[in-house]
Amino acid sequence: MEASITFKAVGKTIGKKILLADLSFGVEKGSTFVLIGKNGWDFRKKSHKKAAWEYIKKNKHLVAIGSPECKMFSMLHNFNTWDDERQKRMDEAVEHLAFVCKIYTLQVQEGRYFIHEHPAQATSWQLTYVQRVQSLPFVKTVTMDQCMYGQYGWKHDRWLRIKKPTKWMTNCRDTRPIEKDM
C-alpha cells in the first residue's frame, strides 16, 4: 500500500514554518488536532502536557496528527560525541515522543484516528513507545519517498525532487479520500 499524505497536501505555511492543519479529506474543519515538535505545544512543560491532554479528552478530535521534531533521532547523531547537554536534548525528545504516543493510543482506544510521520531511518522507530502504538489494532506503517508526492529542494541552481524516505504510521483505514484531494 502506498502512503498518500504529504506536507504539500496537508501543510500550511505560516511565516517560515510549515504547520499541518486544515485537512481537507472529508473530515470536518476543526476536527483535527495537530502535534508538531517545537512549532506547537512544548511537551517539555508539564503545564502544556496537561492542557493538551485535557483539550484532547474534551474535544475528541477525529484525527490527531504528529510530526515531532526528528533531529535527535537522526542517524547522524551516532557520529557525535554525547555530552550532558546532548543527553538532555535526547531525553526531552524521547519524553515528547512518549507523550505523543500516549495521545495516539487514546485516539485508537476511543475509536478515533492518528497520523504520525518521521524519517524512515530515524532511531525513534525502535523506541518501545512507538512499537507499542504500532502493535495496536488497525495500525499500519508505510514507507515512501517524499519525491513521489511532490517534495522539491533547491540544488545546483534548480528545483529537484527530494528522495526523503519517510515512514507514516496511522490507524486510518482508508486513505483514498486523501488521494482524491491531492
N, C-alpha and C. Protein backbone atom coordinates (compact mmCIF):
# COMPACT_ATOMS: atom_id res chain seq x y z
N MET A 1 0.84 -1.18 0.00
CA MET A 1 0.00 0.00 0.00
C MET A 1 0.88 1.24 0.00
N GLU A 2 0.55 2.21 -0.77
CA GLU A 2 1.32 3.45 -0.82
C GLU A 2 0.72 4.49 0.12
N ALA A 3 1.58 5.27 0.72
CA ALA A 3 1.11 6.39 1.53
C ALA A 3 0.61 7.48 0.61
N SER A 4 -0.29 8.28 1.10
CA SER A 4 -0.82 9.33 0.25
C SER A 4 -0.93 10.66 0.97
N ILE A 5 -0.22 10.82 2.04
CA ILE A 5 -0.28 12.05 2.80
C ILE A 5 1.05 12.76 2.66
N THR A 6 1.02 14.01 2.31
CA THR A 6 2.27 14.76 2.18
C THR A 6 2.15 16.11 2.84
N PHE A 7 3.30 16.73 3.09
CA PHE A 7 3.28 18.08 3.63
C PHE A 7 2.56 19.00 2.66
N LYS A 8 2.75 18.76 1.37
CA LYS A 8 2.11 19.61 0.36
C LYS A 8 0.59 19.50 0.47
N ALA A 9 0.10 18.31 0.70
CA ALA A 9 -1.34 18.11 0.73
C ALA A 9 -1.98 18.64 2.00
N VAL A 10 -1.29 18.56 3.13
CA VAL A 10 -1.91 18.96 4.38
C VAL A 10 -1.17 20.12 5.04
N GLY A 11 -0.17 20.66 4.38
CA GLY A 11 0.63 21.71 5.01
C GLY A 11 0.07 23.10 4.80
N LYS A 12 0.39 23.95 5.74
CA LYS A 12 0.00 25.36 5.66
C LYS A 12 1.22 26.15 6.11
N THR A 13 1.68 27.06 5.28
CA THR A 13 2.85 27.84 5.63
C THR A 13 2.43 29.09 6.38
N ILE A 14 3.00 29.27 7.55
CA ILE A 14 2.77 30.46 8.35
C ILE A 14 4.15 31.01 8.68
N GLY A 15 4.49 32.16 8.11
CA GLY A 15 5.85 32.68 8.26
C GLY A 15 6.81 31.71 7.60
N LYS A 16 7.82 31.28 8.33
CA LYS A 16 8.79 30.34 7.79
C LYS A 16 8.52 28.91 8.23
N LYS A 17 7.42 28.70 8.95
CA LYS A 17 7.11 27.38 9.48
C LYS A 17 6.01 26.73 8.66
N ILE A 18 6.10 25.43 8.50
CA ILE A 18 5.03 24.68 7.84
C ILE A 18 4.26 23.97 8.94
N LEU A 19 2.99 24.25 9.04
CA LEU A 19 2.14 23.62 10.04
C LEU A 19 1.17 22.69 9.34
N LEU A 20 0.90 21.57 9.95
CA LEU A 20 -0.10 20.66 9.42
C LEU A 20 -1.44 21.08 9.99
N ALA A 21 -2.33 21.50 9.14
CA ALA A 21 -3.61 21.99 9.63
C ALA A 21 -4.64 22.01 8.52
N ASP A 22 -5.89 22.24 8.90
CA ASP A 22 -6.99 22.38 7.96
C ASP A 22 -7.00 21.26 6.91
N LEU A 23 -7.03 20.04 7.39
CA LEU A 23 -7.08 18.91 6.46
C LEU A 23 -8.37 18.95 5.66
N SER A 24 -8.29 18.55 4.42
CA SER A 24 -9.46 18.61 3.56
C SER A 24 -9.74 17.27 2.92
N PHE A 25 -9.75 16.22 3.72
CA PHE A 25 -10.03 14.92 3.12
C PHE A 25 -11.27 14.29 3.74
N GLY A 26 -12.32 15.07 3.77
CA GLY A 26 -13.59 14.52 4.22
C GLY A 26 -13.80 14.61 5.73
N VAL A 27 -12.93 15.29 6.47
CA VAL A 27 -13.18 15.48 7.89
C VAL A 27 -13.61 16.92 8.10
N GLU A 28 -14.44 17.11 9.07
CA GLU A 28 -14.98 18.43 9.36
C GLU A 28 -13.87 19.37 9.84
N LYS A 29 -13.91 20.62 9.37
CA LYS A 29 -12.91 21.59 9.78
C LYS A 29 -12.92 21.71 11.31
N GLY A 30 -11.74 21.73 11.89
CA GLY A 30 -11.63 21.80 13.34
C GLY A 30 -11.63 20.44 14.01
N SER A 31 -11.76 19.37 13.22
CA SER A 31 -11.81 18.04 13.82
C SER A 31 -10.42 17.41 13.90
N THR A 32 -9.40 18.18 13.59
CA THR A 32 -8.03 17.67 13.71
C THR A 32 -7.31 18.38 14.84
N PHE A 33 -6.41 17.66 15.46
CA PHE A 33 -5.56 18.22 16.49
C PHE A 33 -4.13 17.96 16.04
N VAL A 34 -3.33 19.01 15.96
CA VAL A 34 -2.01 18.91 15.38
C VAL A 34 -0.95 18.94 16.46
N LEU A 35 -0.05 17.98 16.41
CA LEU A 35 1.05 17.88 17.37
C LEU A 35 2.34 18.04 16.60
N ILE A 36 2.97 19.20 16.70
CA ILE A 36 4.14 19.46 15.88
C ILE A 36 5.29 19.92 16.74
N GLY A 37 6.28 19.05 16.91
CA GLY A 37 7.53 19.41 17.57
C GLY A 37 7.53 20.72 18.30
N LYS A 38 8.47 21.56 18.01
CA LYS A 38 8.61 22.83 18.71
C LYS A 38 7.77 23.94 18.09
N ASN A 39 7.07 23.67 16.98
CA ASN A 39 6.24 24.69 16.35
C ASN A 39 4.91 24.85 17.08
N GLY A 40 4.52 23.86 17.87
CA GLY A 40 3.23 23.92 18.53
C GLY A 40 3.38 23.82 20.03
N TRP A 41 2.83 22.78 20.59
CA TRP A 41 2.90 22.56 22.02
C TRP A 41 4.35 22.27 22.42
N ASP A 42 4.71 22.67 23.63
CA ASP A 42 6.04 22.34 24.16
C ASP A 42 5.83 21.30 25.25
N PHE A 43 5.94 20.04 24.88
CA PHE A 43 5.66 18.96 25.81
C PHE A 43 6.78 18.71 26.81
N ARG A 44 7.77 19.57 26.83
CA ARG A 44 8.75 19.54 27.91
C ARG A 44 8.13 20.14 29.17
N LYS A 45 7.11 20.94 28.97
CA LYS A 45 6.44 21.62 30.09
C LYS A 45 5.22 20.81 30.53
N LYS A 46 5.18 20.50 31.83
CA LYS A 46 4.06 19.72 32.36
C LYS A 46 2.73 20.44 32.13
N SER A 47 2.76 21.76 32.22
CA SER A 47 1.52 22.53 32.02
C SER A 47 0.99 22.37 30.59
N HIS A 48 1.89 22.30 29.60
CA HIS A 48 1.46 22.09 28.21
C HIS A 48 0.91 20.68 28.02
N LYS A 49 1.58 19.71 28.62
CA LYS A 49 1.07 18.33 28.53
C LYS A 49 -0.33 18.23 29.12
N LYS A 50 -0.48 18.79 30.30
CA LYS A 50 -1.77 18.72 30.99
C LYS A 50 -2.85 19.43 30.17
N ALA A 51 -2.55 20.62 29.68
CA ALA A 51 -3.52 21.37 28.89
C ALA A 51 -3.88 20.64 27.60
N ALA A 52 -2.88 20.09 26.92
CA ALA A 52 -3.13 19.36 25.68
C ALA A 52 -3.97 18.12 25.95
N TRP A 53 -3.64 17.39 27.00
CA TRP A 53 -4.37 16.16 27.33
C TRP A 53 -5.84 16.49 27.63
N GLU A 54 -6.07 17.52 28.43
CA GLU A 54 -7.44 17.91 28.77
C GLU A 54 -8.19 18.39 27.53
N TYR A 55 -7.49 19.12 26.67
CA TYR A 55 -8.09 19.62 25.44
C TYR A 55 -8.52 18.45 24.53
N ILE A 56 -7.65 17.49 24.39
CA ILE A 56 -7.94 16.33 23.53
C ILE A 56 -9.08 15.51 24.11
N LYS A 57 -9.04 15.28 25.41
CA LYS A 57 -10.10 14.50 26.06
C LYS A 57 -11.45 15.19 25.93
N LYS A 58 -11.46 16.51 26.03
CA LYS A 58 -12.71 17.27 25.96
C LYS A 58 -13.23 17.37 24.53
N ASN A 59 -12.37 17.70 23.58
CA ASN A 59 -12.81 17.98 22.21
C ASN A 59 -12.92 16.77 21.32
N LYS A 60 -12.25 15.69 21.67
CA LYS A 60 -12.37 14.42 20.93
C LYS A 60 -12.22 14.61 19.42
N HIS A 61 -11.12 15.20 19.00
CA HIS A 61 -10.86 15.42 17.58
C HIS A 61 -10.81 14.09 16.84
N LEU A 62 -11.32 14.08 15.64
CA LEU A 62 -11.35 12.87 14.84
C LEU A 62 -9.94 12.39 14.51
N VAL A 63 -9.02 13.32 14.21
CA VAL A 63 -7.67 12.96 13.79
C VAL A 63 -6.64 13.75 14.60
N ALA A 64 -5.67 13.07 15.15
CA ALA A 64 -4.52 13.72 15.78
C ALA A 64 -3.34 13.50 14.84
N ILE A 65 -2.65 14.57 14.50
CA ILE A 65 -1.53 14.48 13.57
C ILE A 65 -0.25 14.81 14.31
N GLY A 66 0.72 13.93 14.23
CA GLY A 66 2.00 14.17 14.90
C GLY A 66 3.16 14.13 13.93
N SER A 67 3.97 15.14 14.04
CA SER A 67 5.21 15.20 13.28
C SER A 67 6.28 15.77 14.21
N PRO A 68 6.62 15.00 15.25
CA PRO A 68 7.57 15.51 16.25
C PRO A 68 8.93 15.80 15.64
N GLU A 69 9.62 16.73 16.25
CA GLU A 69 10.97 17.07 15.79
C GLU A 69 11.82 15.79 15.75
N CYS A 70 12.56 15.61 14.67
CA CYS A 70 13.29 14.36 14.49
C CYS A 70 14.80 14.50 14.64
N LYS A 71 15.28 15.70 14.88
CA LYS A 71 16.73 15.95 14.91
C LYS A 71 17.49 14.99 15.83
N MET A 72 16.99 14.77 17.02
CA MET A 72 17.72 13.93 17.97
C MET A 72 17.68 12.45 17.59
N PHE A 73 16.77 12.08 16.70
CA PHE A 73 16.66 10.69 16.27
C PHE A 73 17.37 10.43 14.94
N SER A 74 18.09 11.42 14.46
CA SER A 74 18.81 11.29 13.20
C SER A 74 19.97 10.31 13.34
N MET A 75 20.18 9.53 12.30
CA MET A 75 21.31 8.58 12.30
C MET A 75 22.64 9.32 12.40
N LEU A 76 22.69 10.57 11.95
CA LEU A 76 23.93 11.35 12.02
C LEU A 76 24.37 11.60 13.46
N HIS A 77 23.43 11.58 14.39
CA HIS A 77 23.80 11.81 15.79
C HIS A 77 24.68 10.70 16.35
N ASN A 78 24.69 9.55 15.70
CA ASN A 78 25.56 8.46 16.16
C ASN A 78 27.04 8.80 15.98
N PHE A 79 27.32 9.79 15.13
CA PHE A 79 28.72 10.18 14.90
C PHE A 79 29.21 11.21 15.91
N ASN A 80 28.30 11.85 16.61
CA ASN A 80 28.65 12.94 17.52
C ASN A 80 29.01 12.42 18.91
N THR A 81 29.84 13.19 19.60
CA THR A 81 30.16 12.89 20.99
C THR A 81 28.98 13.29 21.85
N TRP A 82 28.60 12.43 22.76
CA TRP A 82 27.46 12.72 23.63
C TRP A 82 27.95 13.36 24.90
N ASP A 83 27.50 14.57 25.14
CA ASP A 83 27.81 15.25 26.39
C ASP A 83 26.50 15.41 27.16
N ASP A 84 26.56 16.06 28.31
CA ASP A 84 25.37 16.22 29.15
C ASP A 84 24.26 17.00 28.45
N GLU A 85 24.63 18.04 27.71
CA GLU A 85 23.63 18.85 27.01
C GLU A 85 22.92 18.04 25.92
N ARG A 86 23.69 17.27 25.17
CA ARG A 86 23.10 16.44 24.11
C ARG A 86 22.19 15.37 24.72
N GLN A 87 22.61 14.80 25.83
CA GLN A 87 21.79 13.79 26.50
C GLN A 87 20.48 14.41 27.01
N LYS A 88 20.55 15.64 27.51
CA LYS A 88 19.35 16.33 27.98
C LYS A 88 18.38 16.53 26.82
N ARG A 89 18.89 16.96 25.67
CA ARG A 89 18.02 17.15 24.50
C ARG A 89 17.41 15.83 24.04
N MET A 90 18.18 14.75 24.11
CA MET A 90 17.65 13.44 23.73
C MET A 90 16.56 13.00 24.70
N ASP A 91 16.79 13.20 25.98
CA ASP A 91 15.77 12.84 26.98
C ASP A 91 14.48 13.61 26.73
N GLU A 92 14.59 14.90 26.40
CA GLU A 92 13.41 15.71 26.10
C GLU A 92 12.70 15.21 24.85
N ALA A 93 13.46 14.84 23.84
CA ALA A 93 12.87 14.33 22.60
C ALA A 93 12.12 13.02 22.84
N VAL A 94 12.71 12.15 23.64
CA VAL A 94 12.07 10.87 23.96
C VAL A 94 10.79 11.11 24.78
N GLU A 95 10.87 12.02 25.73
CA GLU A 95 9.70 12.34 26.55
C GLU A 95 8.57 12.90 25.69
N HIS A 96 8.92 13.77 24.76
CA HIS A 96 7.93 14.36 23.84
C HIS A 96 7.27 13.25 23.02
N LEU A 97 8.08 12.36 22.46
CA LEU A 97 7.56 11.29 21.62
C LEU A 97 6.69 10.33 22.44
N ALA A 98 7.08 10.06 23.68
CA ALA A 98 6.29 9.19 24.55
C ALA A 98 4.90 9.79 24.79
N PHE A 99 4.85 11.10 24.98
CA PHE A 99 3.56 11.75 25.21
C PHE A 99 2.70 11.72 23.96
N VAL A 100 3.30 11.97 22.81
CA VAL A 100 2.56 11.91 21.55
C VAL A 100 2.01 10.50 21.35
N CYS A 101 2.80 9.49 21.66
CA CYS A 101 2.32 8.10 21.54
C CYS A 101 1.17 7.81 22.49
N LYS A 102 1.18 8.44 23.65
CA LYS A 102 0.06 8.30 24.60
C LYS A 102 -1.22 8.87 23.97
N ILE A 103 -1.08 9.99 23.27
CA ILE A 103 -2.23 10.59 22.59
C ILE A 103 -2.72 9.66 21.47
N TYR A 104 -1.79 9.10 20.69
CA TYR A 104 -2.19 8.17 19.63
C TYR A 104 -2.96 6.98 20.21
N THR A 105 -2.47 6.46 21.33
CA THR A 105 -3.12 5.32 21.98
C THR A 105 -4.53 5.68 22.40
N LEU A 106 -4.71 6.86 22.97
CA LEU A 106 -6.05 7.33 23.35
C LEU A 106 -6.96 7.40 22.13
N GLN A 107 -6.42 7.95 21.04
CA GLN A 107 -7.21 8.06 19.81
C GLN A 107 -7.72 6.68 19.37
N VAL A 108 -6.83 5.69 19.39
CA VAL A 108 -7.22 4.33 18.97
C VAL A 108 -8.25 3.76 19.94
N GLN A 109 -7.99 3.89 21.23
CA GLN A 109 -8.90 3.32 22.24
C GLN A 109 -10.30 3.91 22.15
N GLU A 110 -10.40 5.18 21.74
CA GLU A 110 -11.70 5.84 21.68
C GLU A 110 -12.29 5.86 20.27
N GLY A 111 -11.71 5.05 19.36
CA GLY A 111 -12.29 4.90 18.03
C GLY A 111 -12.03 6.05 17.08
N ARG A 112 -10.99 6.83 17.37
CA ARG A 112 -10.62 7.95 16.50
C ARG A 112 -9.28 7.63 15.83
N TYR A 113 -8.75 8.59 15.09
CA TYR A 113 -7.59 8.32 14.24
C TYR A 113 -6.39 9.17 14.61
N PHE A 114 -5.24 8.71 14.15
CA PHE A 114 -4.00 9.47 14.28
C PHE A 114 -3.16 9.24 13.04
N ILE A 115 -2.28 10.19 12.78
CA ILE A 115 -1.29 10.07 11.70
C ILE A 115 0.03 10.53 12.29
N HIS A 116 1.07 9.73 12.13
CA HIS A 116 2.40 10.06 12.66
C HIS A 116 3.41 9.97 11.53
N GLU A 117 4.32 10.93 11.48
CA GLU A 117 5.35 10.97 10.45
C GLU A 117 6.72 11.16 11.10
N HIS A 118 7.69 10.41 10.61
CA HIS A 118 9.10 10.56 10.99
C HIS A 118 9.96 9.98 9.86
N PRO A 119 11.19 10.44 9.72
CA PRO A 119 12.06 9.86 8.69
C PRO A 119 12.16 8.33 8.86
N ALA A 120 12.23 7.64 7.76
CA ALA A 120 12.24 6.17 7.80
C ALA A 120 13.41 5.61 8.59
N GLN A 121 14.56 6.27 8.54
CA GLN A 121 15.74 5.76 9.23
C GLN A 121 15.92 6.33 10.63
N ALA A 122 14.97 7.11 11.13
CA ALA A 122 15.08 7.69 12.46
C ALA A 122 15.11 6.58 13.51
N THR A 123 15.92 6.77 14.52
CA THR A 123 16.02 5.77 15.60
C THR A 123 14.75 5.72 16.45
N SER A 124 13.89 6.71 16.30
CA SER A 124 12.64 6.74 17.07
C SER A 124 11.75 5.53 16.80
N TRP A 125 11.85 4.95 15.61
CA TRP A 125 11.02 3.79 15.28
C TRP A 125 11.37 2.58 16.14
N GLN A 126 12.53 2.61 16.80
CA GLN A 126 12.95 1.50 17.65
C GLN A 126 12.51 1.67 19.10
N LEU A 127 11.97 2.83 19.46
CA LEU A 127 11.55 3.08 20.84
C LEU A 127 10.34 2.24 21.21
N THR A 128 10.31 1.79 22.44
CA THR A 128 9.21 0.97 22.94
C THR A 128 7.87 1.65 22.77
N TYR A 129 7.80 2.96 23.03
CA TYR A 129 6.54 3.70 22.92
C TYR A 129 5.97 3.59 21.51
N VAL A 130 6.83 3.79 20.53
CA VAL A 130 6.40 3.76 19.13
C VAL A 130 5.99 2.35 18.74
N GLN A 131 6.77 1.36 19.16
CA GLN A 131 6.45 -0.03 18.82
C GLN A 131 5.14 -0.49 19.46
N ARG A 132 4.83 0.03 20.65
CA ARG A 132 3.54 -0.30 21.28
C ARG A 132 2.39 0.23 20.44
N VAL A 133 2.53 1.46 19.95
CA VAL A 133 1.48 2.02 19.10
C VAL A 133 1.36 1.21 17.81
N GLN A 134 2.49 0.81 17.24
CA GLN A 134 2.46 0.01 16.01
C GLN A 134 1.72 -1.30 16.20
N SER A 135 1.71 -1.81 17.42
CA SER A 135 1.06 -3.11 17.67
C SER A 135 -0.42 -2.98 17.99
N LEU A 136 -0.95 -1.77 18.05
CA LEU A 136 -2.37 -1.58 18.34
C LEU A 136 -3.21 -2.03 17.15
N PRO A 137 -4.49 -2.39 17.40
CA PRO A 137 -5.35 -2.84 16.31
C PRO A 137 -5.48 -1.81 15.19
N PHE A 138 -5.43 -2.28 13.96
CA PHE A 138 -5.63 -1.49 12.75
C PHE A 138 -4.52 -0.49 12.45
N VAL A 139 -3.45 -0.49 13.23
CA VAL A 139 -2.36 0.44 12.98
C VAL A 139 -1.45 -0.16 11.92
N LYS A 140 -1.12 0.67 10.93
CA LYS A 140 -0.22 0.23 9.87
C LYS A 140 0.86 1.27 9.68
N THR A 141 1.97 0.84 9.15
CA THR A 141 3.10 1.72 8.89
C THR A 141 3.50 1.53 7.44
N VAL A 142 3.67 2.64 6.74
CA VAL A 142 4.11 2.59 5.36
C VAL A 142 5.33 3.49 5.19
N THR A 143 6.19 3.10 4.25
CA THR A 143 7.38 3.90 3.94
C THR A 143 7.28 4.35 2.50
N MET A 144 7.61 5.60 2.28
CA MET A 144 7.60 6.13 0.91
C MET A 144 8.63 7.24 0.81
N ASP A 145 8.99 7.56 -0.41
CA ASP A 145 9.88 8.69 -0.65
C ASP A 145 9.03 9.90 -0.95
N GLN A 146 9.36 11.01 -0.31
CA GLN A 146 8.53 12.20 -0.47
C GLN A 146 8.57 12.78 -1.88
N CYS A 147 9.58 12.43 -2.67
CA CYS A 147 9.61 12.93 -4.04
C CYS A 147 8.41 12.41 -4.84
N MET A 148 7.88 11.25 -4.45
CA MET A 148 6.72 10.68 -5.13
C MET A 148 5.50 11.57 -4.97
N TYR A 149 5.54 12.43 -3.97
CA TYR A 149 4.37 13.25 -3.66
C TYR A 149 4.68 14.74 -3.73
N GLY A 150 5.69 15.10 -4.50
CA GLY A 150 5.90 16.49 -4.83
C GLY A 150 6.85 17.28 -3.98
N GLN A 151 7.68 16.65 -3.14
CA GLN A 151 8.62 17.45 -2.36
C GLN A 151 9.85 17.76 -3.21
N TYR A 152 10.21 19.05 -3.23
CA TYR A 152 11.34 19.54 -4.00
C TYR A 152 12.31 20.30 -3.11
N GLY A 153 13.55 20.40 -3.55
CA GLY A 153 14.55 21.21 -2.88
C GLY A 153 15.41 21.92 -3.92
N TRP A 154 16.02 23.02 -3.54
CA TRP A 154 16.83 23.82 -4.45
C TRP A 154 18.26 23.32 -4.41
N LYS A 155 18.80 22.91 -5.55
CA LYS A 155 20.19 22.43 -5.62
C LYS A 155 20.70 22.66 -7.03
N HIS A 156 21.95 23.07 -7.13
CA HIS A 156 22.58 23.31 -8.44
C HIS A 156 21.74 24.25 -9.30
N ASP A 157 21.27 25.33 -8.69
CA ASP A 157 20.51 26.37 -9.39
C ASP A 157 19.20 25.89 -10.01
N ARG A 158 18.60 24.88 -9.44
CA ARG A 158 17.31 24.43 -9.95
C ARG A 158 16.58 23.62 -8.88
N TRP A 159 15.29 23.47 -9.08
CA TRP A 159 14.48 22.67 -8.18
C TRP A 159 14.59 21.20 -8.57
N LEU A 160 14.88 20.36 -7.58
CA LEU A 160 14.97 18.91 -7.80
C LEU A 160 14.07 18.19 -6.80
N ARG A 161 13.58 17.06 -7.23
CA ARG A 161 12.79 16.24 -6.30
C ARG A 161 13.69 15.74 -5.17
N ILE A 162 13.11 15.67 -3.98
CA ILE A 162 13.86 15.19 -2.81
C ILE A 162 13.45 13.76 -2.52
N LYS A 163 14.43 12.87 -2.53
CA LYS A 163 14.16 11.48 -2.16
C LYS A 163 14.41 11.38 -0.66
N LYS A 164 13.36 11.60 0.10
CA LYS A 164 13.45 11.56 1.55
C LYS A 164 12.59 10.39 2.03
N PRO A 165 13.22 9.24 2.32
CA PRO A 165 12.43 8.11 2.81
C PRO A 165 11.75 8.48 4.13
N THR A 166 10.44 8.36 4.14
CA THR A 166 9.64 8.77 5.29
C THR A 166 8.69 7.64 5.65
N LYS A 167 8.52 7.43 6.96
CA LYS A 167 7.55 6.45 7.44
C LYS A 167 6.34 7.19 7.98
N TRP A 168 5.20 6.63 7.68
CA TRP A 168 3.94 7.13 8.21
C TRP A 168 3.30 5.99 8.99
N MET A 169 2.78 6.30 10.15
CA MET A 169 2.08 5.32 10.97
C MET A 169 0.68 5.88 11.21
N THR A 170 -0.33 5.06 11.00
CA THR A 170 -1.70 5.53 11.15
C THR A 170 -2.64 4.36 11.41
N ASN A 171 -3.78 4.68 11.96
CA ASN A 171 -4.86 3.71 12.07
C ASN A 171 -6.01 4.08 11.14
N CYS A 172 -5.78 5.06 10.26
CA CYS A 172 -6.80 5.41 9.27
C CYS A 172 -6.99 4.21 8.35
N ARG A 173 -8.20 3.77 8.21
CA ARG A 173 -8.45 2.54 7.46
C ARG A 173 -8.36 2.72 5.96
N ASP A 174 -8.64 3.91 5.47
CA ASP A 174 -8.72 4.12 4.04
C ASP A 174 -8.15 5.49 3.71
N THR A 175 -7.14 5.53 2.87
CA THR A 175 -6.53 6.81 2.51
C THR A 175 -7.04 7.33 1.17
N ARG A 176 -7.98 6.65 0.55
CA ARG A 176 -8.47 7.11 -0.75
C ARG A 176 -9.07 8.52 -0.72
N PRO A 177 -9.80 8.91 0.34
CA PRO A 177 -10.29 10.30 0.34
C PRO A 177 -9.14 11.30 0.32
N ILE A 178 -8.02 10.96 0.91
CA ILE A 178 -6.85 11.84 0.90
C ILE A 178 -6.30 11.92 -0.51
N GLU A 179 -6.18 10.78 -1.18
CA GLU A 179 -5.63 10.75 -2.54
C GLU A 179 -6.49 11.59 -3.48
N LYS A 180 -7.80 11.57 -3.29
CA LYS A 180 -8.72 12.31 -4.15
C LYS A 180 -8.43 13.81 -4.10
N ASP A 181 -8.07 14.33 -2.94
CA ASP A 181 -7.84 15.76 -2.78
C ASP A 181 -6.46 16.20 -3.20
N MET A 182 -5.59 15.29 -3.57
CA MET A 182 -4.21 15.67 -3.91
C MET A 182 -4.10 16.17 -5.33
